[in-house]
Amino acid sequence: MTDEQEIRALIQKAEALGARVIRTRDEEAFRQEGRDLTETLTIHGAKGIGTFPMSPISGAERLREFISH
């Protein structure tokens, strides 16, 4: 399972390696419950990763692969 803390750490590491990550939040969860949850991740500038919106779990997997290389 991927939690918000891990997603944010992965984003920081990927950005340090030159990627640009756009994170959108789940506005409904934020409005109703005040939780800042990731809805989608879009990753630019990371070889082998397409620039389309992904679910947090898919995005985290792609970021892990990018960071490990």
PDB file of N, CA and C in Angstrom:
ATOM      1  N   MET A   1       0.842  -1.185   0.000  1.00  0.00           N
ATOM      2  CA  MET A   1       0.000   0.000   0.000  1.00  0.00           C
ATOM      3  C   MET A   1       0.884   1.245   0.000  1.00  0.00           C
ATOM      4  N   THR A   2       0.474   2.236  -0.732  1.00  0.00           N
ATOM      5  CA  THR A   2       1.209   3.484  -0.841  1.00  0.00           C
ATOM      6  C   THR A   2       0.449   4.560  -0.078  1.00  0.00           C
ATOM      7  N   ASP A   3       1.117   5.194   0.872  1.00  0.00           N
ATOM      8  CA  ASP A   3       0.439   6.258   1.620  1.00  0.00           C
ATOM      9  C   ASP A   3       0.915   7.629   1.138  1.00  0.00           C
ATOM     10  N   GLU A   4       0.251   8.667   1.588  1.00  0.00           N
ATOM     11  CA  GLU A   4       0.551  10.027   1.149  1.00  0.00           C
ATOM     12  C   GLU A   4       1.985  10.428   1.471  1.00  0.00           C
ATOM     13  N   GLN A   5       2.464  10.039   2.619  1.00  0.00           N
ATOM     14  CA  GLN A   5       3.832  10.386   3.015  1.00  0.00           C
ATOM     15  C   GLN A   5       4.854   9.787   2.042  1.00  0.00           C
ATOM     16  N   GLU A   6       4.634   8.534   1.648  1.00  0.00           N
ATOM     17  CA  GLU A   6       5.544   7.895   0.699  1.00  0.00           C
ATOM     18  C   GLU A   6       5.456   8.561  -0.672  1.00  0.00           C
ATOM     19  N   ILE A   7       4.255   8.876  -1.114  1.00  0.00           N
ATOM     20  CA  ILE A   7       4.083   9.525  -2.418  1.00  0.00           C
ATOM     21  C   ILE A   7       4.850  10.843  -2.454  1.00  0.00           C
ATOM     22  N   ARG A   8       4.728  11.625  -1.415  1.00  0.00           N
ATOM     23  CA  ARG A   8       5.409  12.921  -1.379  1.00  0.00           C
ATOM     24  C   ARG A   8       6.931  12.752  -1.345  1.00  0.00           C
ATOM     25  N   ALA A   9       7.408  11.738  -0.640  1.00  0.00           N
ATOM     26  CA  ALA A   9       8.850  11.464  -0.595  1.00  0.00           C
ATOM     27  C   ALA A   9       9.349  11.031  -1.976  1.00  0.00           C
ATOM     28  N   LEU A  10       8.584  10.199  -2.665  1.00  0.00           N
ATOM     29  CA  LEU A  10       8.951   9.765  -4.012  1.00  0.00           C
ATOM     30  C   LEU A  10       8.994  10.946  -4.973  1.00  0.00           C
ATOM     31  N   ILE A  11       8.027  11.844  -4.845  1.00  0.00           N
ATOM     32  CA  ILE A  11       7.998  13.038  -5.702  1.00  0.00           C
ATOM     33  C   ILE A  11       9.251  13.871  -5.480  1.00  0.00           C
ATOM     34  N   GLN A  12       9.630  14.081  -4.229  1.00  0.00           N
ATOM     35  CA  GLN A  12      10.831  14.864  -3.922  1.00  0.00           C
ATOM     36  C   GLN A  12      12.080  14.229  -4.523  1.00  0.00           C
ATOM     37  N   LYS A  13      12.205  12.917  -4.390  1.00  0.00           N
ATOM     38  CA  LYS A  13      13.382  12.225  -4.928  1.00  0.00           C
ATOM     39  C   LYS A  13      13.417  12.318  -6.445  1.00  0.00           C
ATOM     40  N   ALA A  14      12.264  12.118  -7.097  1.00  0.00           N
ATOM     41  CA  ALA A  14      12.212  12.178  -8.559  1.00  0.00           C
ATOM     42  C   ALA A  14      12.535  13.585  -9.050  1.00  0.00           C
ATOM     43  N   GLU A  15      12.026  14.597  -8.363  1.00  0.00           N
ATOM     44  CA  GLU A  15      12.310  15.970  -8.765  1.00  0.00           C
ATOM     45  C   GLU A  15      13.783  16.301  -8.579  1.00  0.00           C
ATOM     46  N   ALA A  16      14.413  15.725  -7.578  1.00  0.00           N
ATOM     47  CA  ALA A  16      15.848  15.935  -7.374  1.00  0.00           C
ATOM     48  C   ALA A  16      16.658  15.331  -8.524  1.00  0.00           C
ATOM     49  N   LEU A  17      16.072  14.328  -9.198  1.00  0.00           N
ATOM     50  CA  LEU A  17      16.735  13.689 -10.341  1.00  0.00           C
ATOM     51  C   LEU A  17      16.333  14.322 -11.673  1.00  0.00           C
ATOM     52  N   GLY A  18      15.558  15.399 -11.625  1.00  0.00           N
ATOM     53  CA  GLY A  18      15.228  16.132 -12.837  1.00  0.00           C
ATOM     54  C   GLY A  18      13.823  15.946 -13.375  1.00  0.00           C
ATOM     55  N   ALA A  19      13.019  15.123 -12.758  1.00  0.00           N
ATOM     56  CA  ALA A  19      11.638  14.941 -13.220  1.00  0.00           C
ATOM     57  C   ALA A  19      10.780  16.096 -12.703  1.00  0.00           C
ATOM     58  N   ARG A  20       9.684  16.301 -13.365  1.00  0.00           N
ATOM     59  CA  ARG A  20       8.682  17.272 -12.900  1.00  0.00           C
ATOM     60  C   ARG A  20       7.402  16.487 -12.661  1.00  0.00           C
ATOM     61  N   VAL A  21       6.888  16.563 -11.452  1.00  0.00           N
ATOM     62  CA  VAL A  21       5.708  15.788 -11.088  1.00  0.00           C
ATOM     63  C   VAL A  21       4.571  16.743 -10.726  1.00  0.00           C
ATOM     64  N   ILE A  22       3.443  16.551 -11.396  1.00  0.00           N
ATOM     65  CA  ILE A  22       2.250  17.334 -11.095  1.00  0.00           C
ATOM     66  C   ILE A  22       1.306  16.437 -10.312  1.00  0.00           C
ATOM     67  N   ARG A  23       0.976  16.872  -9.107  1.00  0.00           N
ATOM     68  CA  ARG A  23       0.102  16.107  -8.213  1.00  0.00           C
ATOM     69  C   ARG A  23      -1.221  16.848  -8.073  1.00  0.00           C
ATOM     70  N   THR A  24      -2.316  16.158  -8.370  1.00  0.00           N
ATOM     71  CA  THR A  24      -3.621  16.755  -8.117  1.00  0.00           C
ATOM     72  C   THR A  24      -4.213  16.078  -6.892  1.00  0.00           C
ATOM     73  N   ARG A  25      -4.968  16.849  -6.141  1.00  0.00           N
ATOM     74  CA  ARG A  25      -5.547  16.275  -4.935  1.00  0.00           C
ATOM     75  C   ARG A  25      -7.022  15.961  -5.137  1.00  0.00           C
ATOM     76  N   ASP A  26      -7.517  15.078  -4.304  1.00  0.00           N
ATOM     77  CA  ASP A  26      -8.919  14.696  -4.294  1.00  0.00           C
ATOM     78  C   ASP A  26      -9.691  15.831  -3.624  1.00  0.00           C
ATOM     79  N   GLU A  27     -10.269  16.690  -4.430  1.00  0.00           N
ATOM     80  CA  GLU A  27     -10.946  17.879  -3.916  1.00  0.00           C
ATOM     81  C   GLU A  27     -12.145  17.528  -3.028  1.00  0.00           C
ATOM     82  N   GLU A  28     -12.848  16.470  -3.363  1.00  0.00           N
ATOM     83  CA  GLU A  28     -14.014  16.088  -2.565  1.00  0.00           C
ATOM     84  C   GLU A  28     -13.601  15.671  -1.149  1.00  0.00           C
ATOM     85  N   ALA A  29     -12.560  14.859  -1.041  1.00  0.00           N
ATOM     86  CA  ALA A  29     -12.070  14.445   0.274  1.00  0.00           C
ATOM     87  C   ALA A  29     -11.555  15.655   1.052  1.00  0.00           C
ATOM     88  N   PHE A  30     -10.927  16.588   0.356  1.00  0.00           N
ATOM     89  CA  PHE A  30     -10.417  17.781   1.025  1.00  0.00           C
ATOM     90  C   PHE A  30     -11.568  18.647   1.527  1.00  0.00           C
ATOM     91  N   ARG A  31     -12.559  18.846   0.684  1.00  0.00           N
ATOM     92  CA  ARG A  31     -13.693  19.700   1.044  1.00  0.00           C
ATOM     93  C   ARG A  31     -14.526  19.085   2.173  1.00  0.00           C
ATOM     94  N   GLN A  32     -14.791  17.782   2.088  1.00  0.00           N
ATOM     95  CA  GLN A  32     -15.670  17.140   3.056  1.00  0.00           C
ATOM     96  C   GLN A  32     -14.970  16.759   4.359  1.00  0.00           C
ATOM     97  N   GLU A  33     -13.698  16.332   4.261  1.00  0.00           N
ATOM     98  CA  GLU A  33     -13.024  15.778   5.430  1.00  0.00           C
ATOM     99  C   GLU A  33     -11.728  16.495   5.789  1.00  0.00           C
ATOM    100  N   GLY A  34     -11.276  17.394   4.924  1.00  0.00           N
ATOM    101  CA  GLY A  34     -10.034  18.106   5.191  1.00  0.00           C
ATOM    102  C   GLY A  34      -8.779  17.291   4.910  1.00  0.00           C
ATOM    103  N   ARG A  35      -8.950  16.114   4.280  1.00  0.00           N
ATOM    104  CA  ARG A  35      -7.776  15.264   3.980  1.00  0.00           C
ATOM    105  C   ARG A  35      -7.193  15.662   2.640  1.00  0.00           C
ATOM    106  N   ASP A  36      -5.871  15.789   2.581  1.00  0.00           N
ATOM    107  CA  ASP A  36      -5.162  16.174   1.361  1.00  0.00           C
ATOM    108  C   ASP A  36      -4.631  14.907   0.687  1.00  0.00           C
ATOM    109  N   LEU A  37      -5.497  14.218  -0.028  1.00  0.00           N
ATOM    110  CA  LEU A  37      -5.156  12.953  -0.676  1.00  0.00           C
ATOM    111  C   LEU A  37      -4.818  13.176  -2.145  1.00  0.00           C
ATOM    112  N   THR A  38      -3.886  12.387  -2.653  1.00  0.00           N
ATOM    113  CA  THR A  38      -3.512  12.461  -4.059  1.00  0.00           C
ATOM    114  C   THR A  38      -4.575  11.783  -4.911  1.00  0.00           C
ATOM    115  N   GLU A  39      -4.994  12.484  -5.958  1.00  0.00           N
ATOM    116  CA  GLU A  39      -5.939  11.894  -6.910  1.00  0.00           C
ATOM    117  C   GLU A  39      -5.197  11.383  -8.139  1.00  0.00           C
ATOM    118  N   THR A  40      -4.306  12.214  -8.701  1.00  0.00           N
ATOM    119  CA  THR A  40      -3.521  11.780  -9.857  1.00  0.00           C
ATOM    120  C   THR A  40      -2.102  12.310  -9.771  1.00  0.00           C
ATOM    121  N   LEU A  41      -1.201  11.629 -10.482  1.00  0.00           N
ATOM    122  CA  LEU A  41       0.178  12.075 -10.655  1.00  0.00           C
ATOM    123  C   LEU A  41       0.463  12.097 -12.152  1.00  0.00           C
ATOM    124  N   THR A  42       1.062  13.178 -12.612  1.00  0.00           N
ATOM    125  CA  THR A  42       1.509  13.287 -13.993  1.00  0.00           C
ATOM    126  C   THR A  42       3.005  13.566 -13.938  1.00  0.00           C
ATOM    127  N   ILE A  43       3.782  12.740 -14.618  1.00  0.00           N
ATOM    128  CA  ILE A  43       5.237  12.802 -14.507  1.00  0.00           C
ATOM    129  C   ILE A  43       5.837  13.213 -15.852  1.00  0.00           C
ATOM    130  N   HIS A  44       6.639  14.268 -15.824  1.00  0.00           N
ATOM    131  CA  HIS A  44       7.308  14.777 -17.025  1.00  0.00           C
ATOM    132  C   HIS A  44       8.814  14.665 -16.832  1.00  0.00           C
ATOM    133  N   GLY A  45       9.522  14.445 -17.920  1.00  0.00           N
ATOM    134  CA  GLY A  45      10.976  14.474 -17.887  1.00  0.00           C
ATOM    135  C   GLY A  45      11.628  13.246 -17.277  1.00  0.00           C
ATOM    136  N   ALA A  46      10.892  12.156 -17.196  1.00  0.00           N
ATOM    137  CA  ALA A  46      11.450  10.911 -16.667  1.00  0.00           C
ATOM    138  C   ALA A  46      11.397   9.875 -17.784  1.00  0.00           C
ATOM    139  N   LYS A  47      12.556   9.501 -18.272  1.00  0.00           N
ATOM    140  CA  LYS A  47      12.631   8.580 -19.398  1.00  0.00           C
ATOM    141  C   LYS A  47      11.856   7.291 -19.103  1.00  0.00           C
ATOM    142  N   GLY A  48      11.016   6.901 -20.069  1.00  0.00           N
ATOM    143  CA  GLY A  48      10.253   5.663 -19.948  1.00  0.00           C
ATOM    144  C   GLY A  48       8.893   5.814 -19.287  1.00  0.00           C
ATOM    145  N   ILE A  49       8.573   7.050 -18.851  1.00  0.00           N
ATOM    146  CA  ILE A  49       7.272   7.273 -18.208  1.00  0.00           C
ATOM    147  C   ILE A  49       6.491   8.247 -19.066  1.00  0.00           C
ATOM    148  N   GLY A  50       5.304   7.839 -19.456  1.00  0.00           N
ATOM    149  CA  GLY A  50       4.447   8.694 -20.264  1.00  0.00           C
ATOM    150  C   GLY A  50       3.931   9.871 -19.465  1.00  0.00           C
ATOM    151  N   THR A  51       3.531  10.912 -20.161  1.00  0.00           N
ATOM    152  CA  THR A  51       3.075  12.140 -19.499  1.00  0.00           C
ATOM    153  C   THR A  51       1.557  12.197 -19.435  1.00  0.00           C
ATOM    154  N   PHE A  52       0.963  11.155 -18.906  1.00  0.00           N
ATOM    155  CA  PHE A  52      -0.483  11.105 -18.756  1.00  0.00           C
ATOM    156  C   PHE A  52      -0.810  10.961 -17.275  1.00  0.00           C
ATOM    157  N   PRO A  53      -1.979  11.422 -16.834  1.00  0.00           N
ATOM    158  CA  PRO A  53      -2.360  11.297 -15.425  1.00  0.00           C
ATOM    159  C   PRO A  53      -2.495   9.835 -15.015  1.00  0.00           C
ATOM    160  N   MET A  54      -1.927   9.510 -13.858  1.00  0.00           N
ATOM    161  CA  MET A  54      -1.975   8.136 -13.331  1.00  0.00           C
ATOM    162  C   MET A  54      -2.574   8.149 -11.932  1.00  0.00           C
ATOM    163  N   SER A  55      -3.081   7.013 -11.535  1.00  0.00           N
ATOM    164  CA  SER A  55      -3.553   6.875 -10.156  1.00  0.00           C
ATOM    165  C   SER A  55      -2.348   6.966  -9.223  1.00  0.00           C
ATOM    166  N   PRO A  56      -2.560   7.258  -7.961  1.00  0.00           N
ATOM    167  CA  PRO A  56      -1.434   7.359  -7.028  1.00  0.00           C
ATOM    168  C   PRO A  56      -0.606   6.077  -6.950  1.00  0.00           C
ATOM    169  N   ILE A  57      -1.248   4.927  -6.993  1.00  0.00           N
ATOM    170  CA  ILE A  57      -0.519   3.660  -6.901  1.00  0.00           C
ATOM    171  C   ILE A  57       0.340   3.451  -8.141  1.00  0.00           C
ATOM    172  N   SER A  58      -0.222   3.670  -9.326  1.00  0.00           N
ATOM    173  CA  SER A  58       0.549   3.521 -10.563  1.00  0.00           C
ATOM    174  C   SER A  58       1.676   4.536 -10.635  1.00  0.00           C
ATOM    175  N   GLY A  59       1.380   5.769 -10.277  1.00  0.00           N
ATOM    176  CA  GLY A  59       2.399   6.807 -10.289  1.00  0.00           C
ATOM    177  C   GLY A  59       3.539   6.500  -9.333  1.00  0.00           C
ATOM    178  N   ALA A  60       3.206   6.004  -8.157  1.00  0.00           N
ATOM    179  CA  ALA A  60       4.238   5.647  -7.177  1.00  0.00           C
ATOM    180  C   ALA A  60       5.133   4.535  -7.714  1.00  0.00           C
ATOM    181  N   GLU A  61       4.547   3.555  -8.371  1.00  0.00           N
ATOM    182  CA  GLU A  61       5.344   2.461  -8.959  1.00  0.00           C
ATOM    183  C   GLU A  61       6.299   2.993 -10.014  1.00  0.00           C
ATOM    184  N   ARG A  62       5.798   3.877 -10.894  1.00  0.00           N
ATOM    185  CA  ARG A  62       6.648   4.456 -11.928  1.00  0.00           C
ATOM    186  C   ARG A  62       7.769   5.290 -11.305  1.00  0.00           C
ATOM    187  N   LEU A  63       7.443   6.048 -10.253  1.00  0.00           N
ATOM    188  CA  LEU A  63       8.468   6.851  -9.595  1.00  0.00           C
ATOM    189  C   LEU A  63       9.520   5.955  -8.930  1.00  0.00           C
ATOM    190  N   ARG A  64       9.101   4.880  -8.317  1.00  0.00           N
ATOM    191  CA  ARG A  64      10.065   3.942  -7.716  1.00  0.00           C
ATOM    192  C   ARG A  64      11.033   3.408  -8.774  1.00  0.00           C
ATOM    193  N   GLU A  65      10.483   3.029  -9.930  1.00  0.00           N
ATOM    194  CA  GLU A  65      11.331   2.523 -11.020  1.00  0.00           C
ATOM    195  C   GLU A  65      12.310   3.601 -11.480  1.00  0.00           C
ATOM    196  N   PHE A  66      11.817   4.815 -11.647  1.00  0.00           N
ATOM    197  CA  PHE A  66      12.663   5.911 -12.105  1.00  0.00           C
ATOM    198  C   PHE A  66      13.795   6.185 -11.119  1.00  0.00           C
ATOM    199  N   ILE A  67      13.488   6.227  -9.855  1.00  0.00           N
ATOM    200  CA  ILE A  67      14.477   6.520  -8.823  1.00  0.00           C
ATOM    201  C   ILE A  67      15.522   5.415  -8.708  1.00  0.00           C
ATOM    202  N   SER A  68      15.114   4.181  -8.926  1.00  0.00           N
ATOM    203  CA  SER A  68      16.031   3.053  -8.748  1.00  0.00           C
ATOM    204  C   SER A  68      17.067   2.953  -9.873  1.00  0.00           C
ATOM    205  N   HIS A  69      16.852   3.647 -10.990  1.00  0.00           N
ATOM    206  CA  HIS A  69      17.787   3.569 -12.115  1.00  0.00           C
ATOM    207  C   HIS A  69      18.745   4.653 -12.061  1.00  0.00           C
TER     208      HIS A  69
END
